[in-house]
Amino acid sequence: MSDKATTTAQASASEPARALKVLALGDVMKMTSAGRTHIYKEVGAGRFPRPIRVSRGRVGWLEHEVQAWIAARVAERDAAA
């Protein structure tokens, strides 16, 4: 799977039925305009969604979690205005 590849899967039984999209690190970097080091630093600090293991040596982020993180940044900005 390349950095630009994405994978879809069905949601777990605890979530509403919907297709889940898994983003590669490169896609997350493009969506957030953040670099690899910053993303992993924020994950370690608990301020960014944790990746899931896709395969041995490969992780990805759930698109809806990254989008929610972005939406929270927008809400923080708007609340400060």
Protein backbone atom coordinates (compact mmCIF):
# COMPACT_ATOMS: atom_id res chain seq x y z
CA MET A 1 0.00 0.00 0.00
CA SER A 2 1.47 3.38 -0.95
CA ASP A 3 1.41 6.51 1.24
CA LYS A 4 -1.41 7.88 -0.91
CA ALA A 5 -3.46 4.71 -0.74
CA THR A 6 -6.54 4.53 1.44
CA THR A 7 -8.49 1.58 2.69
CA THR A 8 -12.17 1.30 3.49
CA ALA A 9 -13.76 -0.98 6.05
CA GLN A 10 -17.13 -1.40 7.66
CA ALA A 11 -17.68 0.26 11.02
CA SER A 12 -17.67 -1.88 14.14
CA ALA A 13 -20.92 -2.97 15.75
CA SER A 14 -20.64 -0.13 18.30
CA GLU A 15 -20.65 2.54 15.58
CA PRO A 16 -23.36 3.43 13.09
CA ALA A 17 -23.13 1.50 9.83
CA ARG A 18 -20.88 3.48 7.51
CA ALA A 19 -17.74 2.97 5.48
CA LEU A 20 -14.57 3.95 7.30
CA LYS A 21 -11.70 5.44 5.37
CA VAL A 22 -8.13 4.94 6.55
CA LEU A 23 -5.67 7.69 5.64
CA ALA A 24 -1.95 7.24 5.11
CA LEU A 25 0.45 9.62 6.85
CA GLY A 26 0.92 11.64 3.67
CA ASP A 27 -2.82 12.21 3.40
CA VAL A 28 -3.00 13.30 7.05
CA MET A 29 -0.10 15.70 6.48
CA LYS A 30 -1.91 17.24 3.50
CA MET A 31 -5.21 17.55 5.39
CA THR A 32 -3.64 19.19 8.44
CA SER A 33 -0.67 21.03 6.89
CA ALA A 34 1.40 19.47 9.67
CA GLY A 35 4.64 17.55 9.30
CA ARG A 36 5.35 13.98 10.33
CA THR A 37 7.28 14.93 13.48
CA HIS A 38 4.55 17.32 14.67
CA ILE A 39 1.80 14.76 14.06
CA TYR A 40 3.59 12.05 16.04
CA LYS A 41 4.46 14.52 18.82
CA GLU A 42 0.78 15.49 19.11
CA VAL A 43 -0.28 11.82 19.08
CA GLY A 44 2.18 11.14 21.91
CA ALA A 45 0.81 14.07 23.89
CA GLY A 46 -2.78 12.87 23.39
CA ARG A 47 -3.74 15.92 21.33
CA PHE A 48 -4.18 14.16 17.96
CA PRO A 49 -6.00 10.95 17.01
CA ARG A 50 -3.96 7.79 17.45
CA PRO A 51 -3.24 5.78 14.31
CA ILE A 52 -4.46 2.23 13.81
CA ARG A 53 -2.26 -0.63 12.65
CA VAL A 54 -3.11 -1.49 9.05
CA SER A 55 -0.41 -4.13 8.60
CA ARG A 56 3.04 -4.91 9.92
CA GLY A 57 5.01 -1.70 9.61
CA ARG A 58 2.04 0.34 8.35
CA VAL A 59 -0.36 2.58 10.28
CA GLY A 60 -3.17 4.85 9.20
CA TRP A 61 -5.64 7.32 10.66
CA LEU A 62 -9.41 7.14 10.48
CA GLU A 63 -10.55 9.98 8.27
CA HIS A 64 -13.52 10.94 10.45
CA GLU A 65 -11.23 11.27 13.50
CA VAL A 66 -8.85 13.58 11.64
CA GLN A 67 -11.79 15.60 10.33
CA ALA A 68 -13.17 15.88 13.88
CA TRP A 69 -9.77 17.09 15.09
CA ILE A 70 -9.76 19.76 12.36
CA ALA A 71 -13.34 20.77 13.24
CA ALA A 72 -12.29 21.16 16.89
CA ARG A 73 -9.46 23.49 15.86
CA VAL A 74 -11.96 25.59 13.89
CA ALA A 75 -14.31 25.67 16.90
CA GLU A 76 -11.44 26.80 19.15
CA ARG A 77 -10.62 29.56 16.69
CA ASP A 78 -14.22 30.71 16.45
CA ALA A 79 -14.72 30.64 20.23
CA ALA A 80 -11.69 32.90 20.68
CA ALA A 81 -13.05 35.47 18.23
